[in-house]
Amino acid sequence: MKPWKQQRDGVIERALETVEDVIGAKATPIDLRAPSKPAMQPALVEPAVAESFAIERLAVETAAAERSAAIGPGSFERDSQARLRGERDEIVRRVAAFKNLQIKIRLDREQYCNAVLAKTRAVLGQQAKSPR
């Protein structure tokens, strides 16, 4: 037997032991070498657990069907269009706010530059007037 197959078999055995410890019942392994048949339930799941999952899935599907029946035809399209309009409005608002911020920053930068240039010119003008 190839080493990877031995490792695989060891992992399967340890997994089965863990399952047996957790559920307290004998777990039956799946023969990987046998031709596979579509199974209705996983081999290691107890019937009670599988039944509870089926009941939960049925409840979710029923609730979804009731919601879609209560909403009515065409309401999804109206809701999605309203949501898209709201998102577009939000995008337009954010872009406008960003443009205003850019304008404010540009004006602040120009004011700062003009103030620094004015101070520099004043200092240079005083140095030119003063005797050395």
C-alpha atoms as a PDB file:
ATOM      1  CA  MET A   1       0.000   0.000   0.000  1.00  0.00           C
ATOM      2  CA  LYS A   2       1.239   3.482  -0.850  1.00  0.00           C
ATOM      3  CA  PRO A   3       2.215   5.785   2.041  1.00  0.00           C
ATOM      4  CA  TRP A   4      -0.456   8.386   1.256  1.00  0.00           C
ATOM      5  CA  LYS A   5      -3.132   5.702   1.376  1.00  0.00           C
ATOM      6  CA  GLN A   6      -1.884   4.588   4.783  1.00  0.00           C
ATOM      7  CA  GLN A   7      -1.993   8.192   5.990  1.00  0.00           C
ATOM      8  CA  ARG A   8      -5.486   8.604   4.583  1.00  0.00           C
ATOM      9  CA  ASP A   9      -6.705   5.427   6.311  1.00  0.00           C
ATOM     10  CA  GLY A  10      -5.130   6.589   9.587  1.00  0.00           C
ATOM     11  CA  VAL A  11      -6.871   9.951   9.339  1.00  0.00           C
ATOM     12  CA  ILE A  12     -10.190   8.241   8.646  1.00  0.00           C
ATOM     13  CA  GLU A  13      -9.764   5.939  11.634  1.00  0.00           C
ATOM     14  CA  ARG A  14      -8.946   8.853  13.945  1.00  0.00           C
ATOM     15  CA  ALA A  15     -11.929  10.807  12.609  1.00  0.00           C
ATOM     16  CA  LEU A  16     -14.225   7.855  13.237  1.00  0.00           C
ATOM     17  CA  GLU A  17     -12.895   7.503  16.776  1.00  0.00           C
ATOM     18  CA  THR A  18     -13.526  11.206  17.365  1.00  0.00           C
ATOM     19  CA  VAL A  19     -17.064  10.913  16.019  1.00  0.00           C
ATOM     20  CA  GLU A  20     -17.700   7.906  18.240  1.00  0.00           C
ATOM     21  CA  ASP A  21     -16.459   9.858  21.255  1.00  0.00           C
ATOM     22  CA  VAL A  22     -18.673  12.823  20.418  1.00  0.00           C
ATOM     23  CA  ILE A  23     -21.937  11.061  19.569  1.00  0.00           C
ATOM     24  CA  GLY A  24     -21.385   8.037  21.774  1.00  0.00           C
ATOM     25  CA  ALA A  25     -22.424   5.574  19.086  1.00  0.00           C
ATOM     26  CA  LYS A  26     -20.577   3.365  16.663  1.00  0.00           C
ATOM     27  CA  ALA A  27     -19.850   5.243  13.455  1.00  0.00           C
ATOM     28  CA  THR A  28     -19.828   3.317  10.212  1.00  0.00           C
ATOM     29  CA  PRO A  29     -17.088   4.276   7.766  1.00  0.00           C
ATOM     30  CA  ILE A  30     -17.710   4.821   4.091  1.00  0.00           C
ATOM     31  CA  ASP A  31     -15.807   2.462   1.823  1.00  0.00           C
ATOM     32  CA  LEU A  32     -13.921   4.788  -0.534  1.00  0.00           C
ATOM     33  CA  ARG A  33     -13.043   1.997  -2.902  1.00  0.00           C
ATOM     34  CA  ALA A  34     -16.650   0.914  -3.441  1.00  0.00           C
ATOM     35  CA  PRO A  35     -18.627   2.452  -6.298  1.00  0.00           C
ATOM     36  CA  SER A  36     -20.389   5.522  -5.022  1.00  0.00           C
ATOM     37  CA  LYS A  37     -24.151   5.659  -4.888  1.00  0.00           C
ATOM     38  CA  PRO A  38     -25.961   8.896  -4.235  1.00  0.00           C
ATOM     39  CA  ALA A  39     -26.854   8.860  -0.554  1.00  0.00           C
ATOM     40  CA  MET A  40     -29.843  10.613   0.897  1.00  0.00           C
ATOM     41  CA  GLN A  41     -28.015  11.262   4.167  1.00  0.00           C
ATOM     42  CA  PRO A  42     -24.333  11.370   5.120  1.00  0.00           C
ATOM     43  CA  ALA A  43     -23.148   8.069   6.564  1.00  0.00           C
ATOM     44  CA  LEU A  44     -22.065   9.539   9.924  1.00  0.00           C
ATOM     45  CA  VAL A  45     -25.195  11.602  10.641  1.00  0.00           C
ATOM     46  CA  GLU A  46     -27.805  10.171  12.942  1.00  0.00           C
ATOM     47  CA  PRO A  47     -31.345  10.070  11.540  1.00  0.00           C
ATOM     48  CA  ALA A  48     -32.650  12.415  14.266  1.00  0.00           C
ATOM     49  CA  VAL A  49     -30.042  15.042  13.378  1.00  0.00           C
ATOM     50  CA  ALA A  50     -30.791  14.731   9.666  1.00  0.00           C
ATOM     51  CA  GLU A  51     -34.512  15.052  10.376  1.00  0.00           C
ATOM     52  CA  SER A  52     -33.996  18.220  12.435  1.00  0.00           C
ATOM     53  CA  PHE A  53     -31.970  19.756   9.584  1.00  0.00           C
ATOM     54  CA  ALA A  54     -34.734  18.853   7.137  1.00  0.00           C
ATOM     55  CA  ILE A  55     -37.356  20.435   9.402  1.00  0.00           C
ATOM     56  CA  GLU A  56     -35.297  23.636   9.743  1.00  0.00           C
ATOM     57  CA  ARG A  57     -34.745  23.816   5.977  1.00  0.00           C
ATOM     58  CA  LEU A  58     -38.486  23.333   5.368  1.00  0.00           C
ATOM     59  CA  ALA A  59     -39.304  26.091   7.862  1.00  0.00           C
ATOM     60  CA  VAL A  60     -36.894  28.491   6.157  1.00  0.00           C
ATOM     61  CA  GLU A  61     -38.270  27.681   2.705  1.00  0.00           C
ATOM     62  CA  THR A  62     -41.851  28.103   3.932  1.00  0.00           C
ATOM     63  CA  ALA A  63     -41.060  31.465   5.537  1.00  0.00           C
ATOM     64  CA  ALA A  64     -39.371  32.650   2.337  1.00  0.00           C
ATOM     65  CA  ALA A  65     -42.376  31.566   0.266  1.00  0.00           C
ATOM     66  CA  GLU A  66     -44.771  33.370   2.629  1.00  0.00           C
ATOM     67  CA  ARG A  67     -42.680  36.560   2.469  1.00  0.00           C
ATOM     68  CA  SER A  68     -42.579  36.503  -1.319  1.00  0.00           C
ATOM     69  CA  ALA A  69     -46.344  35.880  -1.485  1.00  0.00           C
ATOM     70  CA  ALA A  70     -47.019  38.731   0.967  1.00  0.00           C
ATOM     71  CA  ILE A  71     -44.826  41.169  -0.928  1.00  0.00           C
ATOM     72  CA  GLY A  72     -46.628  40.637  -4.211  1.00  0.00           C
ATOM     73  CA  PRO A  73     -45.497  40.765  -7.820  1.00  0.00           C
ATOM     74  CA  GLY A  74     -43.339  43.649  -8.939  1.00  0.00           C
ATOM     75  CA  SER A  75     -42.530  44.890  -5.453  1.00  0.00           C
ATOM     76  CA  PHE A  76     -38.986  43.555  -5.668  1.00  0.00           C
ATOM     77  CA  GLU A  77     -38.350  45.669  -8.741  1.00  0.00           C
ATOM     78  CA  ARG A  78     -39.814  48.749  -7.030  1.00  0.00           C
ATOM     79  CA  ASP A  79     -37.756  48.137  -3.913  1.00  0.00           C
ATOM     80  CA  SER A  80     -34.564  47.581  -5.877  1.00  0.00           C
ATOM     81  CA  GLN A  81     -35.153  50.706  -7.974  1.00  0.00           C
ATOM     82  CA  ALA A  82     -35.792  52.761  -4.846  1.00  0.00           C
ATOM     83  CA  ARG A  83     -32.653  51.332  -3.241  1.00  0.00           C
ATOM     84  CA  LEU A  84     -30.623  52.148  -6.354  1.00  0.00           C
ATOM     85  CA  ARG A  85     -31.993  55.701  -6.408  1.00  0.00           C
ATOM     86  CA  GLY A  86     -31.064  56.081  -2.764  1.00  0.00           C
ATOM     87  CA  GLU A  87     -27.559  54.775  -3.438  1.00  0.00           C
ATOM     88  CA  ARG A  88     -27.166  57.120  -6.410  1.00  0.00           C
ATOM     89  CA  ASP A  89     -28.300  60.061  -4.300  1.00  0.00           C
ATOM     90  CA  GLU A  90     -25.791  59.083  -1.614  1.00  0.00           C
ATOM     91  CA  ILE A  91     -23.000  58.877  -4.213  1.00  0.00           C
ATOM     92  CA  VAL A  92     -23.916  62.294  -5.660  1.00  0.00           C
ATOM     93  CA  ARG A  93     -23.973  63.797  -2.154  1.00  0.00           C
ATOM     94  CA  ARG A  94     -20.569  62.337  -1.287  1.00  0.00           C
ATOM     95  CA  VAL A  95     -19.001  63.470  -4.585  1.00  0.00           C
ATOM     96  CA  ALA A  96     -20.329  67.005  -4.052  1.00  0.00           C
ATOM     97  CA  ALA A  97     -18.971  67.049  -0.489  1.00  0.00           C
ATOM     98  CA  PHE A  98     -15.584  65.825  -1.748  1.00  0.00           C
ATOM     99  CA  LYS A  99     -15.466  68.527  -4.450  1.00  0.00           C
ATOM    100  CA  ASN A 100     -16.319  71.184  -1.855  1.00  0.00           C
ATOM    101  CA  LEU A 101     -13.547  69.861   0.371  1.00  0.00           C
ATOM    102  CA  GLN A 102     -11.089  70.035  -2.534  1.00  0.00           C
ATOM    103  CA  ILE A 103     -12.097  73.655  -3.231  1.00  0.00           C
ATOM    104  CA  LYS A 104     -11.720  74.580   0.448  1.00  0.00           C
ATOM    105  CA  ILE A 105      -8.274  72.946   0.642  1.00  0.00           C
ATOM    106  CA  ARG A 106      -7.152  74.708  -2.567  1.00  0.00           C
ATOM    107  CA  LEU A 107      -8.306  78.089  -1.229  1.00  0.00           C
ATOM    108  CA  ASP A 108      -6.588  77.461   2.121  1.00  0.00           C
ATOM    109  CA  ARG A 109      -3.390  76.486   0.304  1.00  0.00           C
ATOM    110  CA  GLU A 110      -3.520  79.631  -1.865  1.00  0.00           C
ATOM    111  CA  GLN A 111      -4.116  81.839   1.193  1.00  0.00           C
ATOM    112  CA  TYR A 112      -1.189  80.227   3.014  1.00  0.00           C
ATOM    113  CA  CYS A 113       1.057  80.626  -0.035  1.00  0.00           C
ATOM    114  CA  ASN A 114       0.077  84.293  -0.402  1.00  0.00           C
ATOM    115  CA  ALA A 115       0.707  84.911   3.318  1.00  0.00           C
ATOM    116  CA  VAL A 116       4.152  83.280   3.179  1.00  0.00           C
ATOM    117  CA  LEU A 117       5.055  85.196   0.017  1.00  0.00           C
ATOM    118  CA  ALA A 118       3.925  88.481   1.606  1.00  0.00           C
ATOM    119  CA  LYS A 119       6.066  87.823   4.711  1.00  0.00           C
ATOM    120  CA  THR A 120       9.044  86.827   2.563  1.00  0.00           C
ATOM    121  CA  ARG A 121       8.709  89.952   0.409  1.00  0.00           C
ATOM    122  CA  ALA A 122       8.420  92.110   3.502  1.00  0.00           C
ATOM    123  CA  VAL A 123      11.580  90.624   5.003  1.00  0.00           C
ATOM    124  CA  LEU A 124      13.465  90.908   1.700  1.00  0.00           C
ATOM    125  CA  GLY A 125      12.232  94.493   1.269  1.00  0.00           C
ATOM    126  CA  GLN A 126      13.496  95.409   4.740  1.00  0.00           C
ATOM    127  CA  GLN A 127      16.872  93.804   4.071  1.00  0.00           C
ATOM    128  CA  ALA A 128      17.214  95.715   0.791  1.00  0.00           C
ATOM    129  CA  LYS A 129      16.460  99.040   2.514  1.00  0.00           C
ATOM    130  CA  SER A 130      18.759  98.524   5.481  1.00  0.00           C
ATOM    131  CA  PRO A 131      22.448  99.486   5.090  1.00  0.00           C
ATOM    132  CA  ARG A 132      24.989  96.761   5.364  1.00  0.00           C
END
